[in-house]
Amino acid sequence: TYARLLLAPPSPAEDPFTGSATGAMAAYLWARGLIESPAFVAEQGHLMGRPGRAEVEVLGPRDATTGVRVAGQGRVVMSGQVFMPEVA
């Protein structure tokens, strides 16, 4: 597959590769019968000169996906903490 992720300002115009979107896409394609094999290669970022590539595998049968594995090289571009208020 080949994908692009365009972002709204003030973010960078495009994410070179996004594993979370790729995983969601893989689960959708597999469940809908749009791919023949649960394992494939995904590429993104070529048009912006920062190509990325990942090995993708959907786990489980088409009607009962149990997970998605997205593997490749990566870099941390942001980190942080989320604080959730306690619910009474």
PDB file of N, CA and C in Angstrom:
ATOM      1  N   THR A   1       0.843  -1.182   0.000  1.00  0.00           N
ATOM      2  CA  THR A   1       0.000   0.000   0.000  1.00  0.00           C
ATOM      3  C   THR A   1       0.879   1.232   0.000  1.00  0.00           C
ATOM      4  N   TYR A   2       0.290   2.343  -0.301  1.00  0.00           N
ATOM      5  CA  TYR A   2       0.983   3.629  -0.289  1.00  0.00           C
ATOM      6  C   TYR A   2       0.013   4.636   0.294  1.00  0.00           C
ATOM      7  N   ALA A   3       0.442   5.434   1.244  1.00  0.00           N
ATOM      8  CA  ALA A   3      -0.467   6.348   1.923  1.00  0.00           C
ATOM      9  C   ALA A   3       0.195   7.695   2.172  1.00  0.00           C
ATOM     10  N   ARG A   4      -0.644   8.700   2.494  1.00  0.00           N
ATOM     11  CA  ARG A   4      -0.167  10.016   2.906  1.00  0.00           C
ATOM     12  C   ARG A   4      -0.992  10.462   4.096  1.00  0.00           C
ATOM     13  N   LEU A   5      -0.387  11.210   5.002  1.00  0.00           N
ATOM     14  CA  LEU A   5      -1.106  11.795   6.130  1.00  0.00           C
ATOM     15  C   LEU A   5      -0.834  13.287   6.114  1.00  0.00           C
ATOM     16  N   LEU A   6      -1.842  14.054   5.737  1.00  0.00           N
ATOM     17  CA  LEU A   6      -1.722  15.506   5.697  1.00  0.00           C
ATOM     18  C   LEU A   6      -2.242  16.068   7.011  1.00  0.00           C
ATOM     19  N   LEU A   7      -1.543  17.056   7.560  1.00  0.00           N
ATOM     20  CA  LEU A   7      -1.870  17.618   8.863  1.00  0.00           C
ATOM     21  C   LEU A   7      -2.321  19.069   8.738  1.00  0.00           C
ATOM     22  N   ALA A   8      -3.145  19.493   9.681  1.00  0.00           N
ATOM     23  CA  ALA A   8      -3.626  20.875   9.700  1.00  0.00           C
ATOM     24  C   ALA A   8      -2.579  21.796  10.331  1.00  0.00           C
ATOM     25  N   PRO A   9      -2.496  23.045   9.868  1.00  0.00           N
ATOM     26  CA  PRO A   9      -1.578  24.002  10.490  1.00  0.00           C
ATOM     27  C   PRO A   9      -1.933  24.194  11.965  1.00  0.00           C
ATOM     28  N   PRO A  10      -0.987  24.457  12.832  1.00  0.00           N
ATOM     29  CA  PRO A  10       0.399  24.827  12.572  1.00  0.00           C
ATOM     30  C   PRO A  10       1.345  23.623  12.514  1.00  0.00           C
ATOM     31  N   SER A  11       0.822  22.418  12.463  1.00  0.00           N
ATOM     32  CA  SER A  11       1.659  21.217  12.378  1.00  0.00           C
ATOM     33  C   SER A  11       2.445  21.215  11.075  1.00  0.00           C
ATOM     34  N   PRO A  12       3.478  20.356  10.992  1.00  0.00           N
ATOM     35  CA  PRO A  12       4.128  20.191   9.687  1.00  0.00           C
ATOM     36  C   PRO A  12       3.068  19.768   8.663  1.00  0.00           C
ATOM     37  N   ALA A  13       3.302  20.053   7.411  1.00  0.00           N
ATOM     38  CA  ALA A  13       2.304  19.780   6.369  1.00  0.00           C
ATOM     39  C   ALA A  13       1.966  18.294   6.230  1.00  0.00           C
ATOM     40  N   GLU A  14       2.930  17.431   6.509  1.00  0.00           N
ATOM     41  CA  GLU A  14       2.709  16.002   6.305  1.00  0.00           C
ATOM     42  C   GLU A  14       3.580  15.196   7.252  1.00  0.00           C
ATOM     43  N   ASP A  15       3.059  14.073   7.709  1.00  0.00           N
ATOM     44  CA  ASP A  15       3.811  13.130   8.535  1.00  0.00           C
ATOM     45  C   ASP A  15       4.516  12.165   7.587  1.00  0.00           C
ATOM     46  N   PRO A  16       5.834  11.974   7.704  1.00  0.00           N
ATOM     47  CA  PRO A  16       6.537  11.091   6.780  1.00  0.00           C
ATOM     48  C   PRO A  16       6.023   9.648   6.830  1.00  0.00           C
ATOM     49  N   PHE A  17       5.696   9.155   8.006  1.00  0.00           N
ATOM     50  CA  PHE A  17       5.115   7.810   8.121  1.00  0.00           C
ATOM     51  C   PHE A  17       4.381   7.717   9.446  1.00  0.00           C
ATOM     52  N   THR A  18       3.193   7.184   9.423  1.00  0.00           N
ATOM     53  CA  THR A  18       2.415   7.055  10.643  1.00  0.00           C
ATOM     54  C   THR A  18       1.949   5.619  10.829  1.00  0.00           C
ATOM     55  N   GLY A  19       2.534   4.949  11.802  1.00  0.00           N
ATOM     56  CA  GLY A  19       2.206   3.549  12.063  1.00  0.00           C
ATOM     57  C   GLY A  19       0.794   3.334  12.558  1.00  0.00           C
ATOM     58  N   SER A  20       0.267   4.257  13.358  1.00  0.00           N
ATOM     59  CA  SER A  20      -1.085   4.075  13.884  1.00  0.00           C
ATOM     60  C   SER A  20      -2.121   4.115  12.766  1.00  0.00           C
ATOM     61  N   ALA A  21      -1.980   5.030  11.822  1.00  0.00           N
ATOM     62  CA  ALA A  21      -2.901   5.083  10.690  1.00  0.00           C
ATOM     63  C   ALA A  21      -2.725   3.863   9.792  1.00  0.00           C
ATOM     64  N   THR A  22      -1.501   3.415   9.624  1.00  0.00           N
ATOM     65  CA  THR A  22      -1.235   2.239   8.813  1.00  0.00           C
ATOM     66  C   THR A  22      -1.879   0.998   9.425  1.00  0.00           C
ATOM     67  N   GLY A  23      -1.798   0.868  10.748  1.00  0.00           N
ATOM     68  CA  GLY A  23      -2.421  -0.270  11.423  1.00  0.00           C
ATOM     69  C   GLY A  23      -3.925  -0.274  11.265  1.00  0.00           C
ATOM     70  N   ALA A  24      -4.554   0.887  11.421  1.00  0.00           N
ATOM     71  CA  ALA A  24      -6.002   0.984  11.255  1.00  0.00           C
ATOM     72  C   ALA A  24      -6.402   0.657   9.819  1.00  0.00           C
ATOM     73  N   MET A  25      -5.639   1.161   8.851  1.00  0.00           N
ATOM     74  CA  MET A  25      -5.902   0.874   7.447  1.00  0.00           C
ATOM     75  C   MET A  25      -5.792  -0.619   7.171  1.00  0.00           C
ATOM     76  N   ALA A  26      -4.776  -1.261   7.732  1.00  0.00           N
ATOM     77  CA  ALA A  26      -4.569  -2.693   7.512  1.00  0.00           C
ATOM     78  C   ALA A  26      -5.758  -3.505   8.024  1.00  0.00           C
ATOM     79  N   ALA A  27      -6.219  -3.191   9.225  1.00  0.00           N
ATOM     80  CA  ALA A  27      -7.366  -3.909   9.787  1.00  0.00           C
ATOM     81  C   ALA A  27      -8.598  -3.729   8.912  1.00  0.00           C
ATOM     82  N   TYR A  28      -8.830  -2.525   8.419  1.00  0.00           N
ATOM     83  CA  TYR A  28      -9.974  -2.244   7.550  1.00  0.00           C
ATOM     84  C   TYR A  28      -9.877  -3.034   6.245  1.00  0.00           C
ATOM     85  N   LEU A  29      -8.732  -2.954   5.575  1.00  0.00           N
ATOM     86  CA  LEU A  29      -8.556  -3.646   4.300  1.00  0.00           C
ATOM     87  C   LEU A  29      -8.737  -5.154   4.445  1.00  0.00           C
ATOM     88  N   TRP A  30      -8.199  -5.727   5.512  1.00  0.00           N
ATOM     89  CA  TRP A  30      -8.306  -7.167   5.753  1.00  0.00           C
ATOM     90  C   TRP A  30      -9.752  -7.571   6.040  1.00  0.00           C
ATOM     91  N   ALA A  31     -10.431  -6.838   6.911  1.00  0.00           N
ATOM     92  CA  ALA A  31     -11.810  -7.169   7.283  1.00  0.00           C
ATOM     93  C   ALA A  31     -12.761  -7.061   6.093  1.00  0.00           C
ATOM     94  N   ARG A  32     -12.505  -6.128   5.179  1.00  0.00           N
ATOM     95  CA  ARG A  32     -13.394  -5.922   4.029  1.00  0.00           C
ATOM     96  C   ARG A  32     -13.018  -6.778   2.822  1.00  0.00           C
ATOM     97  N   GLY A  33     -11.975  -7.602   2.955  1.00  0.00           N
ATOM     98  CA  GLY A  33     -11.561  -8.458   1.837  1.00  0.00           C
ATOM     99  C   GLY A  33     -10.881  -7.705   0.712  1.00  0.00           C
ATOM    100  N   LEU A  34     -10.303  -6.555   1.018  1.00  0.00           N
ATOM    101  CA  LEU A  34      -9.662  -5.732  -0.006  1.00  0.00           C
ATOM    102  C   LEU A  34      -8.194  -6.072  -0.210  1.00  0.00           C
ATOM    103  N   ILE A  35      -7.637  -6.930   0.645  1.00  0.00           N
ATOM    104  CA  ILE A  35      -6.288  -7.464   0.450  1.00  0.00           C
ATOM    105  C   ILE A  35      -6.375  -8.985   0.567  1.00  0.00           C
ATOM    106  N   GLU A  36      -5.537  -9.688  -0.205  1.00  0.00           N
ATOM    107  CA  GLU A  36      -5.578 -11.152  -0.234  1.00  0.00           C
ATOM    108  C   GLU A  36      -4.825 -11.783   0.922  1.00  0.00           C
ATOM    109  N   SER A  37      -3.796 -11.110   1.388  1.00  0.00           N
ATOM    110  CA  SER A  37      -2.950 -11.643   2.449  1.00  0.00           C
ATOM    111  C   SER A  37      -2.966 -10.697   3.646  1.00  0.00           C
ATOM    112  N   PRO A  38      -2.900 -11.238   4.868  1.00  0.00           N
ATOM    113  CA  PRO A  38      -2.873 -10.354   6.032  1.00  0.00           C
ATOM    114  C   PRO A  38      -1.516  -9.689   6.247  1.00  0.00           C
ATOM    115  N   ALA A  39      -0.509 -10.057   5.473  1.00  0.00           N
ATOM    116  CA  ALA A  39       0.835  -9.470   5.607  1.00  0.00           C
ATOM    117  C   ALA A  39       1.183  -8.735   4.314  1.00  0.00           C
ATOM    118  N   PHE A  40       1.692  -7.503   4.453  1.00  0.00           N
ATOM    119  CA  PHE A  40       2.067  -6.716   3.287  1.00  0.00           C
ATOM    120  C   PHE A  40       3.054  -5.632   3.700  1.00  0.00           C
ATOM    121  N   VAL A  41       3.560  -4.888   2.727  1.00  0.00           N
ATOM    122  CA  VAL A  41       4.492  -3.783   2.954  1.00  0.00           C
ATOM    123  C   VAL A  41       3.743  -2.477   2.720  1.00  0.00           C
ATOM    124  N   ALA A  42       3.899  -1.528   3.622  1.00  0.00           N
ATOM    125  CA  ALA A  42       3.302  -0.195   3.489  1.00  0.00           C
ATOM    126  C   ALA A  42       4.422   0.829   3.337  1.00  0.00           C
ATOM    127  N   GLU A  43       4.214   1.793   2.455  1.00  0.00           N
ATOM    128  CA  GLU A  43       5.186   2.863   2.235  1.00  0.00           C
ATOM    129  C   GLU A  43       4.481   4.211   2.308  1.00  0.00           C
ATOM    130  N   GLN A  44       5.208   5.211   2.771  1.00  0.00           N
ATOM    131  CA  GLN A  44       4.647   6.559   2.901  1.00  0.00           C
ATOM    132  C   GLN A  44       5.797   7.558   2.948  1.00  0.00           C
ATOM    133  N   GLY A  45       5.546   8.790   2.556  1.00  0.00           N
ATOM    134  CA  GLY A  45       6.528   9.868   2.688  1.00  0.00           C
ATOM    135  C   GLY A  45       7.396  10.123   1.481  1.00  0.00           C
ATOM    136  N   HIS A  46       7.216   9.372   0.398  1.00  0.00           N
ATOM    137  CA  HIS A  46       8.069   9.549  -0.778  1.00  0.00           C
ATOM    138  C   HIS A  46       7.943  10.929  -1.414  1.00  0.00           C
ATOM    139  N   LEU A  47       6.720  11.439  -1.492  1.00  0.00           N
ATOM    140  CA  LEU A  47       6.512  12.732  -2.158  1.00  0.00           C
ATOM    141  C   LEU A  47       7.132  13.893  -1.401  1.00  0.00           C
ATOM    142  N   MET A  48       7.413  13.708  -0.104  1.00  0.00           N
ATOM    143  CA  MET A  48       8.034  14.777   0.668  1.00  0.00           C
ATOM    144  C   MET A  48       9.533  14.536   0.884  1.00  0.00           C
ATOM    145  N   GLY A  49      10.078  13.514   0.208  1.00  0.00           N
ATOM    146  CA  GLY A  49      11.506  13.241   0.297  1.00  0.00           C
ATOM    147  C   GLY A  49      11.941  12.570   1.590  1.00  0.00           C
ATOM    148  N   ARG A  50      11.003  11.987   2.348  1.00  0.00           N
ATOM    149  CA  ARG A  50      11.329  11.300   3.598  1.00  0.00           C
ATOM    150  C   ARG A  50      10.613   9.941   3.615  1.00  0.00           C
ATOM    151  N   PRO A  51      11.011   9.042   2.708  1.00  0.00           N
ATOM    152  CA  PRO A  51      10.289   7.784   2.573  1.00  0.00           C
ATOM    153  C   PRO A  51      10.385   6.903   3.812  1.00  0.00           C
ATOM    154  N   GLY A  52       9.276   6.243   4.109  1.00  0.00           N
ATOM    155  CA  GLY A  52       9.218   5.280   5.202  1.00  0.00           C
ATOM    156  C   GLY A  52       8.620   3.982   4.698  1.00  0.00           C
ATOM    157  N   ARG A  53       8.998   2.889   5.340  1.00  0.00           N
ATOM    158  CA  ARG A  53       8.546   1.570   4.926  1.00  0.00           C
ATOM    159  C   ARG A  53       8.313   0.733   6.166  1.00  0.00           C
ATOM    160  N   ALA A  54       7.242  -0.054   6.172  1.00  0.00           N
ATOM    161  CA  ALA A  54       6.963  -0.923   7.310  1.00  0.00           C
ATOM    162  C   ALA A  54       6.404  -2.257   6.834  1.00  0.00           C
ATOM    163  N   GLU A  55       6.729  -3.288   7.574  1.00  0.00           N
ATOM    164  CA  GLU A  55       6.122  -4.603   7.381  1.00  0.00           C
ATOM    165  C   GLU A  55       4.859  -4.601   8.234  1.00  0.00           C
ATOM    166  N   VAL A  56       3.733  -4.974   7.653  1.00  0.00           N
ATOM    167  CA  VAL A  56       2.448  -4.932   8.341  1.00  0.00           C
ATOM    168  C   VAL A  56       1.830  -6.323   8.331  1.00  0.00           C
ATOM    169  N   GLU A  57       1.245  -6.731   9.457  1.00  0.00           N
ATOM    170  CA  GLU A  57       0.550  -8.016   9.523  1.00  0.00           C
ATOM    171  C   GLU A  57      -0.695  -7.879  10.396  1.00  0.00           C
ATOM    172  N   VAL A  58      -1.838  -8.250   9.838  1.00  0.00           N
ATOM    173  CA  VAL A  58      -3.084  -8.271  10.597  1.00  0.00           C
ATOM    174  C   VAL A  58      -3.195  -9.644  11.243  1.00  0.00           C
ATOM    175  N   LEU A  59      -3.487  -9.666  12.526  1.00  0.00           N
ATOM    176  CA  LEU A  59      -3.564 -10.913  13.281  1.00  0.00           C
ATOM    177  C   LEU A  59      -5.014 -11.341  13.431  1.00  0.00           C
ATOM    178  N   GLY A  60      -5.279 -12.612  13.195  1.00  0.00           N
ATOM    179  CA  GLY A  60      -6.633 -13.141  13.330  1.00  0.00           C
ATOM    180  C   GLY A  60      -7.348 -13.228  11.997  1.00  0.00           C
ATOM    181  N   PRO A  61      -8.472 -13.956  11.976  1.00  0.00           N
ATOM    182  CA  PRO A  61      -9.250 -14.097  10.740  1.00  0.00           C
ATOM    183  C   PRO A  61      -9.967 -12.798  10.386  1.00  0.00           C
ATOM    184  N   ARG A  62     -10.446 -12.717   9.156  1.00  0.00           N
ATOM    185  CA  ARG A  62     -11.100 -11.501   8.662  1.00  0.00           C
ATOM    186  C   ARG A  62     -12.241 -11.037   9.566  1.00  0.00           C
ATOM    187  N   ASP A  63     -12.995 -11.982  10.116  1.00  0.00           N
ATOM    188  CA  ASP A  63     -14.168 -11.613  10.905  1.00  0.00           C
ATOM    189  C   ASP A  63     -13.885 -11.482  12.393  1.00  0.00           C
ATOM    190  N   ALA A  64     -12.621 -11.643  12.799  1.00  0.00           N
ATOM    191  CA  ALA A  64     -12.295 -11.549  14.229  1.00  0.00           C
ATOM    192  C   ALA A  64     -10.836 -11.136  14.423  1.00  0.00           C
ATOM    193  N   THR A  65     -10.469  -9.958  13.924  1.00  0.00           N
ATOM    194  CA  THR A  65      -9.101  -9.458  14.059  1.00  0.00           C
ATOM    195  C   THR A  65      -8.744  -9.303  15.536  1.00  0.00           C
ATOM    196  N   THR A  66      -7.560  -9.797  15.897  1.00  0.00           N
ATOM    197  CA  THR A  66      -7.113  -9.698  17.293  1.00  0.00           C
ATOM    198  C   THR A  66      -6.021  -8.647  17.487  1.00  0.00           C
ATOM    199  N   GLY A  67      -5.451  -8.148  16.404  1.00  0.00           N
ATOM    200  CA  GLY A  67      -4.410  -7.132  16.513  1.00  0.00           C
ATOM    201  C   GLY A  67      -3.766  -6.864  15.175  1.00  0.00           C
ATOM    202  N   VAL A  68      -2.874  -5.894  15.156  1.00  0.00           N
ATOM    203  CA  VAL A  68      -2.115  -5.548  13.959  1.00  0.00           C
ATOM    204  C   VAL A  68      -0.677  -5.299  14.379  1.00  0.00           C
ATOM    205  N   ARG A  69       0.247  -5.857  13.642  1.00  0.00           N
ATOM    206  CA  ARG A  69       1.681  -5.655  13.905  1.00  0.00           C
ATOM    207  C   ARG A  69       2.239  -4.761  12.801  1.00  0.00           C
ATOM    208  N   VAL A  70       2.852  -3.642  13.191  1.00  0.00           N
ATOM    209  CA  VAL A  70       3.505  -2.728  12.252  1.00  0.00           C
ATOM    210  C   VAL A  70       4.959  -2.630  12.691  1.00  0.00           C
ATOM    211  N   ALA A  71       5.878  -3.046  11.836  1.00  0.00           N
ATOM    212  CA  ALA A  71       7.289  -3.097  12.218  1.00  0.00           C
ATOM    213  C   ALA A  71       8.158  -2.387  11.185  1.00  0.00           C
ATOM    214  N   GLY A  72       9.137  -1.660  11.678  1.00  0.00           N
ATOM    215  CA  GLY A  72      10.079  -0.962  10.816  1.00  0.00           C
ATOM    216  C   GLY A  72      10.944  -0.064  11.669  1.00  0.00           C
ATOM    217  N   GLN A  73      11.778   0.722  11.033  1.00  0.00           N
ATOM    218  CA  GLN A  73      12.598   1.672  11.767  1.00  0.00           C
ATOM    219  C   GLN A  73      11.740   2.857  12.174  1.00  0.00           C
ATOM    220  N   GLY A  74      12.064   3.467  13.280  1.00  0.00           N
ATOM    221  CA  GLY A  74      11.288   4.612  13.734  1.00  0.00           C
ATOM    222  C   GLY A  74      12.122   5.580  14.551  1.00  0.00           C
ATOM    223  N   ARG A  75      11.560   6.746  14.763  1.00  0.00           N
ATOM    224  CA  ARG A  75      12.184   7.783  15.589  1.00  0.00           C
ATOM    225  C   ARG A  75      11.115   8.399  16.473  1.00  0.00           C
ATOM    226  N   VAL A  76      11.486   8.737  17.688  1.00  0.00           N
ATOM    227  CA  VAL A  76      10.575   9.462  18.567  1.00  0.00           C
ATOM    228  C   VAL A  76      10.628  10.925  18.161  1.00  0.00           C
ATOM    229  N   VAL A  77       9.484  11.480  17.782  1.00  0.00           N
ATOM    230  CA  VAL A  77       9.445  12.889  17.390  1.00  0.00           C
ATOM    231  C   VAL A  77       8.693  13.733  18.415  1.00  0.00           C
ATOM    232  N   MET A  78       8.015  13.080  19.343  1.00  0.00           N
ATOM    233  CA  MET A  78       7.296  13.804  20.381  1.00  0.00           C
ATOM    234  C   MET A  78       7.056  12.836  21.538  1.00  0.00           C
ATOM    235  N   SER A  79       7.069  13.359  22.744  1.00  0.00           N
ATOM    236  CA  SER A  79       6.713  12.554  23.905  1.00  0.00           C
ATOM    237  C   SER A  79       6.032  13.467  24.908  1.00  0.00           C
ATOM    238  N   GLY A  80       5.312  12.882  25.834  1.00  0.00           N
ATOM    239  CA  GLY A  80       4.616  13.684  26.818  1.00  0.00           C
ATOM    240  C   GLY A  80       3.876  12.813  27.799  1.00  0.00           C
ATOM    241  N   GLN A  81       3.101  13.448  28.640  1.00  0.00           N
ATOM    242  CA  GLN A  81       2.308  12.739  29.629  1.00  0.00           C
ATOM    243  C   GLN A  81       0.876  13.224  29.536  1.00  0.00           C
ATOM    244  N   VAL A  82      -0.046  12.325  29.817  1.00  0.00           N
ATOM    245  CA  VAL A  82      -1.462  12.661  29.848  1.00  0.00           C
ATOM    246  C   VAL A  82      -1.948  12.451  31.268  1.00  0.00           C
ATOM    247  N   PHE A  83      -2.590  13.461  31.818  1.00  0.00           N
ATOM    248  CA  PHE A  83      -3.140  13.358  33.167  1.00  0.00           C
ATOM    249  C   PHE A  83      -4.657  13.279  33.071  1.00  0.00           C
ATOM    250  N   MET A  84      -5.213  12.216  33.611  1.00  0.00           N
ATOM    251  CA  MET A  84      -6.654  11.996  33.565  1.00  0.00           C
ATOM    252  C   MET A  84      -7.235  12.293  34.945  1.00  0.00           C
ATOM    253  N   PRO A  85      -8.249  13.122  35.020  1.00  0.00           N
ATOM    254  CA  PRO A  85      -8.862  13.404  36.319  1.00  0.00           C
ATOM    255  C   PRO A  85      -9.606  12.167  36.811  1.00  0.00           C
ATOM    256  N   GLU A  86      -9.644  12.017  38.109  1.00  0.00           N
ATOM    257  CA  GLU A  86     -10.370  10.897  38.701  1.00  0.00           C
ATOM    258  C   GLU A  86     -11.867  11.148  38.573  1.00  0.00           C
ATOM    259  N   VAL A  87     -12.590  10.100  38.261  1.00  0.00           N
ATOM    260  CA  VAL A  87     -14.042  10.197  38.150  1.00  0.00           C
ATOM    261  C   VAL A  87     -14.645   9.684  39.445  1.00  0.00           C
ATOM    262  N   ALA A  88     -15.496  10.495  40.063  1.00  0.00           N
ATOM    263  CA  ALA A  88     -16.099  10.101  41.347  1.00  0.00           C
ATOM    264  C   ALA A  88     -17.226   9.123  41.171  1.00  0.00           C
TER     265      ALA A  88
END
